[in-house]
Protein backbone atom coordinates (compact mmCIF):
# COMPACT_ATOMS: atom_id res chain seq x y z
CA UNK A 1 -73.75 66.49 -131.49
CA UNK A 2 -76.12 68.77 -129.63
CA UNK A 3 -77.69 71.45 -131.84
CA UNK A 4 -76.13 74.91 -131.40
CA UNK A 5 -78.08 77.83 -129.95
CA UNK A 6 -78.12 79.56 -133.33
CA UNK A 7 -80.40 81.76 -135.40
CA UNK A 8 -82.31 78.81 -136.80
CA UNK A 9 -83.08 77.57 -133.29
CA UNK A 10 -84.24 81.03 -132.25
CA UNK A 11 -86.67 81.08 -135.18
CA UNK A 12 -87.99 77.58 -134.41
CA UNK A 13 -88.37 78.52 -130.76
CA UNK A 14 -90.34 81.71 -131.32
CA UNK A 15 -92.56 80.03 -133.93
CA UNK A 16 -93.27 77.10 -131.61
CA UNK A 17 -94.03 79.50 -128.75
CA UNK A 18 -96.54 81.35 -130.92
CA UNK A 19 -98.22 78.06 -131.85
CA UNK A 20 -98.43 76.88 -128.25
CA UNK A 21 -99.77 80.19 -126.99
CA UNK A 22 -102.31 80.30 -129.82
CA UNK A 23 -103.60 76.91 -128.68
CA UNK A 24 -103.56 77.84 -124.99
CA UNK A 25 -104.68 81.49 -125.25
CA UNK A 26 -108.36 81.00 -124.37
CA UNK A 27 -107.58 78.75 -121.43
CA UNK A 28 -104.90 81.11 -120.05
CA UNK A 29 -107.28 84.04 -120.43
CA UNK A 30 -109.96 82.12 -118.58
CA UNK A 31 -107.83 81.47 -115.48
CA UNK A 32 -106.39 85.01 -115.35
CA UNK A 33 -107.75 86.10 -111.98
CA UNK A 34 -104.58 87.56 -110.44
CA UNK A 35 -103.55 90.30 -109.81
CA UNK A 36 -106.63 91.58 -111.66
CA UNK A 37 -109.34 89.40 -113.15
CA UNK A 38 -109.16 91.01 -116.60
CA UNK A 39 -108.84 87.67 -118.43
CA UNK A 40 -106.33 88.81 -121.03
CA UNK A 41 -102.99 87.24 -120.04
CA UNK A 42 -103.10 84.59 -122.77
CA UNK A 43 -103.87 87.22 -125.38
CA UNK A 44 -101.15 89.52 -124.07
CA UNK A 45 -98.53 86.75 -124.11
CA UNK A 46 -99.47 85.74 -127.64
CA UNK A 47 -99.23 89.33 -128.87
CA UNK A 48 -95.84 89.70 -127.15
CA UNK A 49 -94.44 86.56 -128.75
CA UNK A 50 -95.82 87.50 -132.16
CA UNK A 51 -94.14 90.90 -131.82
CA UNK A 52 -90.87 89.14 -131.01
CA UNK A 53 -91.34 86.88 -134.02
CA UNK A 54 -91.60 89.88 -136.32
CA UNK A 55 -87.95 90.78 -135.70
CA UNK A 56 -85.46 90.05 -138.50
CA UNK A 57 -83.22 87.31 -137.11
CA UNK A 58 -80.05 87.89 -139.08
CA UNK A 59 -76.44 88.86 -138.50
CA UNK A 60 -75.51 85.98 -136.22
CA UNK A 61 -77.03 84.50 -133.04
CA UNK A 62 -76.13 87.36 -130.67
CA UNK A 63 -77.46 90.04 -132.97
CA UNK A 64 -80.57 88.01 -133.82
CA UNK A 65 -81.33 87.38 -130.16
CA UNK A 66 -80.90 91.09 -129.37
CA UNK A 67 -83.34 91.97 -132.14
CA UNK A 68 -85.80 89.38 -130.82
CA UNK A 69 -85.54 90.79 -127.28
CA UNK A 70 -85.96 94.38 -128.45
CA UNK A 71 -89.05 93.47 -130.48
CA UNK A 72 -90.49 91.57 -127.49
CA UNK A 73 -90.11 94.59 -125.18
CA UNK A 74 -91.51 96.99 -127.80
CA UNK A 75 -94.51 94.77 -128.40
CA UNK A 76 -95.00 93.50 -124.84
CA UNK A 77 -98.56 93.55 -123.60
CA UNK A 78 -99.40 93.41 -119.90
CA UNK A 79 -97.04 92.63 -117.07
CA UNK A 80 -96.75 88.97 -118.11
CA UNK A 81 -95.66 90.02 -121.59
CA UNK A 82 -92.90 92.18 -120.13
CA UNK A 83 -91.74 89.31 -117.89
CA UNK A 84 -91.55 86.92 -120.86
CA UNK A 85 -89.66 89.56 -122.84
CA UNK A 86 -86.93 89.31 -120.21
CA UNK A 87 -86.51 85.62 -121.06
CA UNK A 88 -85.47 86.59 -124.58
CA UNK A 89 -83.31 89.39 -123.24
CA UNK A 90 -81.52 86.91 -120.99
CA UNK A 91 -80.66 84.77 -124.03
CA UNK A 92 -79.44 87.84 -125.93
CA UNK A 93 -77.19 89.04 -123.12
CA UNK A 94 -75.75 85.58 -122.46
CA UNK A 95 -74.96 85.14 -126.16
CA UNK A 96 -73.35 88.58 -126.27
CA UNK A 97 -71.22 87.87 -123.20
CA UNK A 98 -69.54 84.88 -124.84
CA UNK A 99 -68.69 83.44 -121.41
CA UNK A 100 -70.77 80.25 -121.49
CA UNK A 101 -68.83 77.02 -121.99
CA UNK A 102 -71.26 75.23 -124.29
CA UNK A 103 -74.88 75.54 -125.28
CA UNK A 104 -76.28 73.99 -122.07
CA UNK A 105 -74.30 76.40 -119.90
CA UNK A 106 -75.50 79.21 -122.14
CA UNK A 107 -79.13 78.27 -121.50
CA UNK A 108 -78.48 78.04 -117.75
CA UNK A 109 -76.90 81.50 -117.74
CA UNK A 110 -79.67 82.92 -119.91
CA UNK A 111 -82.40 81.67 -117.58
CA UNK A 112 -80.61 83.04 -114.52
CA UNK A 113 -80.18 86.41 -116.20
CA UNK A 114 -83.84 86.40 -117.23
CA UNK A 115 -85.06 85.53 -113.71
CA UNK A 116 -82.92 88.26 -112.17
CA UNK A 117 -83.98 90.84 -114.78
CA UNK A 118 -87.65 90.00 -114.28
CA UNK A 119 -87.31 90.21 -110.50
CA UNK A 120 -85.75 93.66 -110.72
CA UNK A 121 -88.41 94.78 -113.19
CA UNK A 122 -91.27 94.12 -110.75
CA UNK A 123 -91.90 96.52 -107.90
CA UNK A 124 -93.63 93.93 -105.70
CA UNK A 125 -92.86 90.33 -106.75
CA UNK A 126 -95.21 87.62 -105.44
CA UNK A 127 -94.38 83.95 -105.02
CA UNK A 128 -96.31 81.37 -107.00
CA UNK A 129 -96.49 83.58 -110.10
CA UNK A 130 -94.64 83.75 -113.44
CA UNK A 131 -91.55 85.05 -111.67
CA UNK A 132 -91.42 82.00 -109.38
CA UNK A 133 -91.83 79.67 -112.35
CA UNK A 134 -88.98 81.34 -114.25
CA UNK A 135 -86.73 81.35 -111.19
CA UNK A 136 -87.41 77.65 -110.55
CA UNK A 137 -86.38 76.79 -114.11
CA UNK A 138 -83.16 78.79 -113.74
CA UNK A 139 -82.33 77.30 -110.34
CA UNK A 140 -82.94 73.69 -111.42
CA UNK A 141 -80.79 74.02 -114.51
CA UNK A 142 -77.99 75.77 -112.61
CA UNK A 143 -78.02 72.97 -110.03
CA UNK A 144 -77.88 70.30 -112.73
CA UNK A 145 -75.03 72.10 -114.45
CA UNK A 146 -72.88 72.57 -111.36
CA UNK A 147 -73.79 69.67 -109.04
CA UNK A 148 -74.74 66.75 -111.25
CA UNK A 149 -71.84 66.69 -113.65
CA UNK A 150 -73.46 68.96 -116.21
CA UNK A 151 -76.89 69.15 -117.81
CA UNK A 152 -75.86 67.06 -120.81
CA UNK A 153 -77.10 68.10 -124.22
CA UNK A 154 -79.00 71.28 -124.92
CA UNK A 155 -82.27 69.35 -125.39
CA UNK A 156 -81.65 67.71 -122.02
CA UNK A 157 -80.98 71.09 -120.40
CA UNK A 158 -84.18 72.55 -121.88
CA UNK A 159 -86.11 69.55 -120.58
CA UNK A 160 -84.75 70.05 -117.05
CA UNK A 161 -85.79 73.72 -117.10
CA UNK A 162 -89.25 73.00 -118.50
CA UNK A 163 -89.97 70.25 -115.96
CA UNK A 164 -88.87 72.46 -113.07
CA UNK A 165 -91.14 75.22 -114.34
CA UNK A 166 -94.12 72.84 -114.46
CA UNK A 167 -93.40 71.64 -110.92
CA UNK A 168 -93.21 75.21 -109.61
CA UNK A 169 -96.45 76.10 -111.37
CA UNK A 170 -98.25 73.24 -109.66
CA UNK A 171 -97.02 73.93 -106.11
CA UNK A 172 -100.15 75.15 -104.32
CA UNK A 173 -98.24 76.13 -101.19
CA UNK A 174 -96.48 78.94 -103.05
CA UNK A 175 -99.48 80.38 -104.89
CA UNK A 176 -101.21 83.59 -103.75
CA UNK A 177 -104.36 82.82 -101.84
CA UNK A 178 -106.42 84.47 -104.59
CA UNK A 179 -105.33 81.68 -106.94
CA UNK A 180 -105.83 78.95 -104.34
CA UNK A 181 -109.33 80.22 -103.69
CA UNK A 182 -110.14 80.17 -107.42
CA UNK A 183 -108.61 76.71 -107.83
CA UNK A 184 -106.27 77.76 -110.65
CA UNK A 185 -102.56 78.22 -111.32
CA UNK A 186 -101.04 81.57 -112.23
CA UNK A 187 -101.90 82.53 -115.80
CA UNK A 188 -98.54 84.23 -116.39
CA UNK A 189 -96.70 81.19 -115.04
CA UNK A 190 -98.71 79.00 -117.40
CA UNK A 191 -97.45 81.19 -120.24
CA UNK A 192 -93.81 80.86 -119.12
CA UNK A 193 -94.20 77.07 -119.13
CA UNK A 194 -95.61 77.25 -122.67
CA UNK A 195 -92.58 79.23 -123.86
CA UNK A 196 -90.12 76.80 -122.22
CA UNK A 197 -92.04 73.82 -123.63
CA UNK A 198 -91.72 75.48 -127.03
CA UNK A 199 -87.94 75.48 -126.64
CA UNK A 200 -88.00 71.74 -125.89
CA UNK A 201 -90.11 71.23 -129.01
CA UNK A 202 -87.81 73.42 -131.13
CA UNK A 203 -84.91 71.19 -130.05
CA UNK A 204 -86.73 68.07 -131.24
CA UNK A 205 -88.00 66.96 -127.85
CA UNK A 206 -91.49 66.15 -126.61
CA UNK A 207 -92.54 68.34 -123.68
CA UNK A 208 -95.75 66.37 -123.26
CA UNK A 209 -99.27 67.76 -122.99
CA UNK A 210 -99.78 71.26 -121.69
CA UNK A 211 -100.21 71.39 -117.89
CA UNK A 212 -103.71 71.78 -116.55
CA UNK A 213 -104.58 75.26 -115.30
CA UNK A 214 -107.01 73.79 -112.79
CA UNK A 215 -106.08 72.65 -109.30
CA UNK A 216 -109.36 71.15 -108.23
CA UNK A 217 -111.72 72.74 -105.72
CA UNK A 218 -110.17 75.09 -103.17
CA UNK A 219 -109.42 73.55 -99.78
CA UNK A 220 -112.05 73.75 -97.05
CA UNK A 221 -109.85 76.00 -94.90
CA UNK A 222 -107.71 78.70 -96.48
CA UNK A 223 -104.86 80.72 -94.99
CA UNK A 224 -105.53 84.37 -94.24
CA UNK A 225 -105.49 86.43 -97.40
CA UNK A 226 -103.14 89.08 -96.00
CA UNK A 227 -103.06 92.28 -98.04
CA UNK A 228 -105.94 92.17 -100.54
CA UNK A 229 -105.01 93.00 -104.12
CA UNK A 230 -106.94 96.02 -105.35
CA UNK A 231 -108.61 96.09 -108.75
CA UNK A 232 -107.49 99.36 -110.35
CA UNK A 233 -109.41 101.03 -113.13
CA UNK A 234 -106.76 101.50 -115.84
CA UNK A 235 -103.89 99.58 -117.36
CA UNK A 236 -101.23 102.08 -118.46
CA UNK A 237 -98.27 101.10 -120.64
CA UNK A 238 -95.63 103.06 -122.54
CA UNK A 239 -92.02 102.92 -123.69
CA UNK A 240 -89.06 105.11 -122.73
CA UNK A 241 -85.48 105.56 -123.78
CA UNK A 242 -83.51 104.04 -120.90
CA UNK A 243 -82.74 106.98 -118.55
CA UNK A 244 -80.39 104.96 -116.32
CA UNK A 245 -80.76 102.82 -113.22
CA UNK A 246 -81.25 105.71 -110.77
CA UNK A 247 -84.04 107.32 -112.79
CA UNK A 248 -85.74 103.95 -113.30
CA UNK A 249 -85.66 103.29 -109.56
CA UNK A 250 -87.39 106.63 -108.97
CA UNK A 251 -89.94 105.86 -111.69
CA UNK A 252 -90.66 102.42 -110.24
CA UNK A 253 -91.17 103.93 -106.77
CA UNK A 254 -93.51 106.63 -108.09
CA UNK A 255 -95.58 104.10 -110.00
CA UNK A 256 -95.68 101.88 -106.91
CA UNK A 257 -97.30 104.74 -105.04
CA UNK A 258 -99.87 105.13 -107.83
CA UNK A 259 -100.96 101.54 -108.27
CA UNK A 260 -99.84 97.94 -108.53
CA UNK A 261 -98.66 95.38 -111.12
CA UNK A 262 -95.71 97.71 -111.76
CA UNK A 263 -93.19 96.37 -114.29
CA UNK A 264 -90.29 98.42 -115.66
CA UNK A 265 -88.34 96.15 -118.02
CA UNK A 266 -85.59 96.98 -120.50
CA UNK A 267 -84.47 95.27 -123.69
CA UNK A 268 -80.76 95.72 -123.01
CA UNK A 269 -80.44 98.00 -126.02
CA UNK A 270 -81.70 101.32 -124.69
CA UNK A 271 -85.49 100.86 -124.55
CA UNK A 272 -87.63 100.30 -121.46
CA UNK A 273 -91.21 99.04 -121.30
CA UNK A 274 -93.41 100.36 -118.48
CA UNK A 275 -96.63 98.83 -117.13
CA UNK A 276 -98.92 99.69 -114.19
CA UNK A 277 -102.50 99.12 -113.05
CA UNK A 278 -103.79 102.31 -111.45
CA UNK A 279 -106.78 104.50 -110.76
CA UNK A 280 -104.59 107.47 -111.75
CA UNK A 281 -103.77 107.17 -115.47
CA UNK A 282 -102.67 110.80 -115.85
CA UNK A 283 -100.14 110.79 -113.00
CA UNK A 284 -98.80 107.43 -114.23
CA UNK A 285 -97.95 109.01 -117.59
CA UNK A 286 -96.59 112.12 -115.88
CA UNK A 287 -94.26 109.88 -113.88
CA UNK A 288 -92.85 108.72 -117.21
CA UNK A 289 -92.38 112.31 -118.33
CA UNK A 290 -90.11 112.87 -115.34
CA UNK A 291 -87.85 110.09 -116.68
CA UNK A 292 -87.97 110.89 -120.40
CA UNK A 293 -90.42 111.05 -123.28
CA UNK A 294 -93.02 108.27 -123.13
CA UNK A 295 -93.91 106.73 -126.48
CA UNK A 296 -96.55 104.22 -127.58
CA UNK A 297 -98.75 105.25 -124.63
CA UNK A 298 -101.72 102.94 -124.06
CA UNK A 299 -104.43 103.51 -121.46
CA UNK A 300 -107.08 100.81 -121.29
CA UNK A 301 -109.98 100.57 -118.89
CA UNK A 302 -109.98 97.27 -117.05
CA UNK A 303 -113.25 95.37 -116.80
CA UNK A 304 -115.82 96.81 -114.44
CA UNK A 305 -115.23 95.48 -110.97
CA UNK A 306 -117.76 93.20 -109.33
CA UNK A 307 -117.56 92.44 -105.62
CA UNK A 308 -114.62 90.07 -105.22
CA UNK A 309 -114.17 90.51 -101.48
CA UNK A 310 -116.32 91.57 -98.59
CA UNK A 311 -114.33 94.49 -97.18
CA UNK A 312 -111.72 97.06 -98.15
CA UNK A 313 -110.09 100.13 -96.62
CA UNK A 314 -109.29 102.99 -99.01
CA UNK A 315 -106.79 105.65 -97.91
CA UNK A 316 -106.14 109.01 -99.61
CA UNK A 317 -102.39 109.56 -99.28
CA UNK A 318 -100.14 112.11 -100.98
CA UNK A 319 -96.73 110.46 -100.80
CA UNK A 320 -95.41 107.29 -102.41
CA UNK A 321 -93.66 106.00 -99.28
CA UNK A 322 -96.69 106.26 -97.04
CA UNK A 323 -98.84 104.86 -99.85
CA UNK A 324 -96.60 101.82 -100.08
CA UNK A 325 -96.87 101.34 -96.30
CA UNK A 326 -100.65 101.39 -96.51
CA UNK A 327 -100.68 98.89 -99.38
CA UNK A 328 -98.33 96.56 -97.51
CA UNK A 329 -100.70 96.70 -94.52
CA UNK A 330 -103.67 95.65 -96.63
CA UNK A 331 -105.13 99.00 -97.67
CA UNK A 332 -106.05 100.34 -101.09
CA UNK A 333 -104.58 103.75 -101.87
CA UNK A 334 -105.79 106.72 -103.89
CA UNK A 335 -102.91 109.10 -104.52
CA UNK A 336 -104.00 112.52 -103.27
CA UNK A 337 -101.34 114.75 -104.86
CA UNK A 338 -103.06 116.95 -105.88
CA UNK A 339 -106.32 116.34 -104.09
CA UNK A 340 -108.54 114.04 -106.19
CA UNK A 341 -111.89 115.00 -107.63
CA UNK A 342 -115.17 113.51 -106.45
CA UNK A 343 -115.28 111.37 -109.61
CA UNK A 344 -111.77 110.05 -108.91
CA UNK A 345 -112.68 109.13 -105.34
CA UNK A 346 -115.81 107.38 -106.51
CA UNK A 347 -113.84 105.44 -109.15
CA UNK A 348 -111.31 104.39 -106.53
CA UNK A 349 -114.07 103.17 -104.21
CA UNK A 350 -115.57 101.04 -106.97
CA UNK A 351 -112.15 99.80 -108.02
CA UNK A 352 -111.57 98.13 -104.64
CA UNK A 353 -113.97 95.40 -105.73
CA UNK A 354 -115.41 95.24 -102.21
CA UNK A 355 -118.99 95.18 -100.98
CA UNK A 356 -118.11 97.33 -97.93
CA UNK A 357 -115.52 100.11 -98.16
CA UNK A 358 -114.15 102.25 -95.34
CA UNK A 359 -112.69 105.49 -96.74
CA UNK A 360 -109.90 107.22 -94.79
CA UNK A 361 -109.33 110.78 -96.13
CA UNK A 362 -106.11 111.22 -94.05
CA UNK A 363 -106.63 115.02 -94.06
CA UNK A 364 -109.32 117.15 -92.46
CA UNK A 365 -109.95 119.16 -95.63
CA UNK A 366 -110.67 115.99 -97.65
CA UNK A 367 -113.44 114.70 -95.40
CA UNK A 368 -116.20 116.55 -97.28
CA UNK A 369 -114.82 115.27 -100.58
CA UNK A 370 -114.86 111.72 -99.26
CA UNK A 371 -118.38 112.05 -97.85
CA UNK A 372 -119.68 113.40 -101.18
CA UNK A 373 -118.15 110.55 -103.20
CA UNK A 374 -119.34 107.95 -100.69
CA UNK A 375 -122.87 109.31 -100.87
CA UNK A 376 -122.85 109.11 -104.67
CA UNK A 377 -121.67 105.51 -104.61
CA UNK A 378 -124.36 104.52 -102.12
CA UNK A 379 -127.02 106.27 -104.19
CA UNK A 380 -126.04 104.73 -107.54
CA UNK A 381 -127.89 101.53 -108.29
CA UNK A 382 -125.19 100.49 -110.76
CA UNK A 383 -122.71 100.20 -107.92
CA UNK A 384 -124.46 97.08 -106.69
CA UNK A 385 -125.43 98.50 -103.34
CA UNK A 386 -121.87 99.06 -102.15
CA UNK A 387 -121.79 100.15 -98.53
CA UNK A 388 -119.33 103.04 -97.99
CA UNK A 389 -118.38 104.64 -94.67
CA UNK A 390 -115.98 107.54 -94.16
CA UNK A 391 -113.78 107.15 -91.09
CA UNK A 392 -112.62 110.59 -89.81
CA UNK A 393 -108.83 110.79 -90.14
CA UNK A 394 -107.03 114.12 -90.29
CA UNK A 395 -103.49 112.88 -91.02
CA UNK A 396 -101.54 110.00 -92.54
CA UNK A 397 -100.47 108.68 -89.11
CA UNK A 398 -104.13 108.58 -88.09
CA UNK A 399 -104.97 106.71 -91.29
CA UNK A 400 -102.20 104.17 -90.73
CA UNK A 401 -103.28 103.72 -87.11
CA UNK A 402 -106.86 103.07 -88.19
CA UNK A 403 -105.72 100.62 -90.85
CA UNK A 404 -103.58 98.76 -88.29
CA UNK A 405 -106.67 97.76 -86.28
CA UNK A 406 -108.80 96.86 -89.31
CA UNK A 407 -110.11 93.31 -88.95
CA UNK A 408 -112.02 91.94 -91.96
CA UNK A 409 -113.45 89.13 -89.82
CA UNK A 410 -115.06 91.58 -87.39
CA UNK A 411 -118.58 92.88 -87.99
CA UNK A 412 -118.33 95.86 -90.34
CA UNK A 413 -119.94 98.36 -87.97
CA UNK A 414 -117.70 97.28 -85.09
CA UNK A 415 -114.65 97.48 -87.34
CA UNK A 416 -115.50 101.06 -88.34
CA UNK A 417 -115.84 102.04 -84.68
CA UNK A 418 -112.48 100.43 -83.85
CA UNK A 419 -110.77 102.29 -86.71
CA UNK A 420 -112.33 105.60 -85.70
CA UNK A 421 -111.21 105.12 -82.09
CA UNK A 422 -107.64 104.27 -83.18
CA UNK A 423 -107.50 107.37 -85.37
CA UNK A 424 -108.87 109.62 -82.61
CA UNK A 425 -106.27 108.25 -80.16
CA UNK A 426 -103.38 109.17 -82.49
CA UNK A 427 -101.76 112.60 -82.12
CA UNK A 428 -99.91 113.99 -85.14
CA UNK A 429 -97.00 116.41 -85.36
CA UNK A 430 -94.50 117.48 -87.96
CA UNK A 431 -91.47 119.62 -88.70
CA UNK A 432 -91.19 122.33 -91.31
CA UNK A 433 -88.32 124.70 -92.17
CA UNK A 434 -89.20 128.40 -92.03
CA UNK A 435 -88.74 130.18 -95.36
CA UNK A 436 -89.20 133.74 -94.08
CA UNK A 437 -89.44 135.73 -90.88
CA UNK A 438 -92.79 135.29 -89.21
CA UNK A 439 -94.59 135.58 -85.91
CA UNK A 440 -95.95 132.24 -84.68
CA UNK A 441 -97.75 131.04 -81.56
CA UNK A 442 -94.35 129.90 -80.31
CA UNK A 443 -92.72 133.29 -81.00
CA UNK A 444 -90.88 134.92 -83.92
CA UNK A 445 -88.94 132.71 -86.32
CA UNK A 446 -86.19 133.39 -88.87
CA UNK A 447 -85.53 131.71 -92.24
CA UNK A 448 -83.90 128.31 -91.81
CA UNK A 449 -85.22 127.69 -88.32
CA UNK A 450 -87.30 124.60 -87.74
CA UNK A 451 -90.96 124.86 -86.77
CA UNK A 452 -92.58 122.09 -84.77
CA UNK A 453 -96.31 121.73 -85.46
CA UNK A 454 -98.87 119.76 -83.53
CA UNK A 455 -102.49 119.55 -84.62
CA UNK A 456 -101.81 122.28 -87.18
CA UNK A 457 -100.35 124.85 -84.76
CA UNK A 458 -96.71 125.90 -84.32
CA UNK A 459 -95.73 124.81 -80.82
CA UNK A 460 -91.93 125.20 -80.89
CA UNK A 461 -89.01 126.68 -82.78
CA UNK A 462 -85.74 124.73 -82.98
CA UNK A 463 -82.30 125.41 -84.46
CA UNK A 464 -82.25 122.27 -86.62
CA UNK A 465 -84.26 119.17 -87.56
CA UNK A 466 -82.55 116.81 -85.11
CA UNK A 467 -83.23 119.04 -82.12
CA UNK A 468 -86.71 119.92 -83.33
CA UNK A 469 -87.66 116.25 -83.72
CA UNK A 470 -86.63 115.43 -80.17
CA UNK A 471 -88.32 118.50 -78.67
CA UNK A 472 -91.53 117.79 -80.56
CA UNK A 473 -91.58 114.13 -79.51
CA UNK A 474 -91.07 115.10 -75.85
CA UNK A 475 -93.97 117.54 -76.06
CA UNK A 476 -96.28 115.04 -77.79
CA UNK A 477 -95.45 112.31 -75.25
CA UNK A 478 -96.29 114.50 -72.25
CA UNK A 479 -99.92 113.22 -72.10
CA UNK A 480 -98.59 109.68 -72.54
CA UNK A 481 -98.04 107.31 -75.43
CA UNK A 482 -96.88 103.80 -76.22
CA UNK A 483 -95.91 103.97 -79.91
CA UNK A 484 -94.21 106.68 -81.96
CA UNK A 485 -94.38 106.32 -85.75
CA UNK A 486 -91.84 108.38 -87.69
CA UNK A 487 -92.31 109.20 -91.38
CA UNK A 488 -89.24 110.68 -93.05
CA UNK A 489 -89.87 113.17 -95.84
CA UNK A 490 -88.41 113.01 -99.33
CA UNK A 491 -85.65 115.52 -98.47
CA UNK A 492 -84.73 113.95 -95.12
CA UNK A 493 -81.69 111.73 -94.81
CA UNK A 494 -81.99 108.29 -93.23
CA UNK A 495 -79.41 109.31 -90.64
CA UNK A 496 -81.80 111.94 -89.25
CA UNK A 497 -84.43 109.32 -88.50
CA UNK A 498 -81.95 106.80 -87.14
CA UNK A 499 -80.39 109.32 -84.72
CA UNK A 500 -83.80 110.52 -83.62
CA UNK A 501 -85.08 106.98 -83.01
CA UNK A 502 -81.94 106.11 -81.02
CA UNK A 503 -82.21 109.24 -78.86
CA UNK A 504 -85.92 108.76 -78.26
CA UNK A 505 -85.51 105.12 -77.25
CA UNK A 506 -82.78 106.12 -74.79
CA UNK A 507 -84.81 108.92 -73.21
CA UNK A 508 -88.18 107.13 -73.38
CA UNK A 509 -87.43 103.39 -73.03
CA UNK A 510 -91.10 102.74 -72.37
CA UNK A 511 -92.03 103.83 -75.91
CA UNK A 512 -91.78 101.75 -79.10
CA UNK A 513 -90.39 103.70 -82.09
CA UNK A 514 -91.12 102.68 -85.68
CA UNK A 515 -89.26 104.44 -88.50
CA UNK A 516 -90.42 104.55 -92.14
CA UNK A 517 -89.69 106.58 -95.25
CA UNK A 518 -92.92 108.43 -95.91
CA UNK A 519 -91.41 110.45 -98.80
CA UNK A 520 -93.82 113.35 -98.17
CA UNK A 521 -92.67 116.61 -99.73
CA UNK A 522 -94.11 119.15 -97.28
CA UNK A 523 -92.73 117.88 -93.96
CA UNK A 524 -89.15 116.61 -93.53
CA UNK A 525 -90.44 114.56 -90.60
CA UNK A 526 -93.92 113.57 -89.40
CA UNK A 527 -94.66 111.99 -86.02
CA UNK A 528 -97.64 109.96 -84.92
CA UNK A 529 -98.08 109.14 -81.23
CA UNK A 530 -100.49 106.44 -80.08
C-alpha cells in the first residue's frame, strides 16, 4: 500500500529538504546570477525550509501542513524562498479541500495549486526560472494522472514530478539569456528540484545525484538580451496581514513601479510575505503601509554592483504605469515621486551595473539634478570610470520616445544623439481639470472645465475630458505627426482612452495610436506626438 500523505511524511519531507539544501547551499549560492548576482539563493532557501521545519506538525495532516506553510511564509528569505513557501501552501490547501481521490491525485493538485499561487505572487514571471520548474512538475504529474491511467503510487507520482522538474531546469532554450551567458541553470529552480527530490527521498525512493548547476560554456552566438535586468541597491522584505485581493493587486503594482523581483505571497491563513529589489527602500515600505501594518521589515543592501553590461538607460518617472512601460522596453527606472535627491540619482546610476549610462530626467526641472549626479559619478574613482550622459527630456513621452530608439549595439555617442533627436521630435500635451476660476492664455475657465496644455501652456478649454482629448490631439497634429502615444492617468477610465483612440483613428487614419495606462496622478490623460 502506498504511504499516506500524513504528518510523518511531512516531517520526513521537510527534514530531507533541509539536508539536501544544506549540502547544495554553497553551489546554489555560487550560480545565483539572476535576477541579481547577490549569491544568496541557496542560503535563503535553506533558511526558509528551516523556518518551515520549526512549525509544530500536530493535529492531523491538514492542520500540520497549514502550520508548515505559515511558518515557511513567515520565515521566507528572498523571492525564491517565497516561491518555495507556496509549494507547502499548495499541499496545505489541497489537504484542506478534501477533494483529491488518493494520495497521488492530492500531490498533483497540490503542485498545480502551488504553481498557480507562485505565478500570481510574482509581478513579472520569467521562463526558465523556479516558476517554470514548478509548473513543469505540476503539468507532468497532471498529465500522468489524467492521460496515462493514473500516476500509480505516491512515490511514483513524486518521481514523475521530480524528473519533470529536472528536465525543465536543464532546458537551455527557456532560460533567460543572463543564465545562458553565465553557463548556469536558475538557482531558484535548482532549489525547487532539491525540495522535490527530498519528497522522493522521504517516500523511500532514490532521486539520484543532484543535478549539475553548470551548462558548459555559453554558445558562440547568443540571442538578443531584450530588456536588461537592473541591479537594484536594496532587498526589502516584510509581512502583512492579508488585506484582500484588490489591495494586494495595488501593492504589487506599486512595488512593480519601484523595482523588480516583486513577490507578494500568502500562507492561506491571513499572512502575506512581501519581497522587492529596489533603489527606493523607503517608498517600498510606504507601499506596504498603504495596505496594512508591515511587520518584520528587513532592508538589506545588495552587493556593490560591478559592470555587468555595457550600456543602460535610466529614466526618472513618477508613475507606476509609465515606469512599467519603460522597464518592459529595456530601461531602468528611478521612481521620481517625489523628486529624488542627488544621492538617490547617483545610487540608481551605479545600480544599473552598466559601464555607460544615459540618464533621461523626463522633466525639465530635473535636468540640473541629473547633471549634478552624473558629474559626481564621473568624478568618483570608486565608480570604476562609469561614463554617464544626460539626454534632455522634458516629459515622460519624450523619455519613452528616446528609449524606443536606444540601440545597445550602436556606438554610445551615436546612440545618445539618436535618443536626443527622438526626444526633441516628440511634442507633449496633457489634460487637467480646473479646480477654480482662473484666467488662462486660452481665456477664463470655471471649476470642472478641462484645460488642454501643450508644452506647459494652456492652449484650450473643453467641457469634458473626451472632447478635450480630441481637440488637443487635433491641435498637436497640425504640424504633422505619425504616432500618438496616450497615457491614461490613475483616475481615468479605460473607456475614455478607448473612445479617444477610436475617434482619432477615424479622423486621422494616417496616424498610429498607442494606448497605455500611465497611472500618473496629475494628468488624467497625457499625449505624445512623434
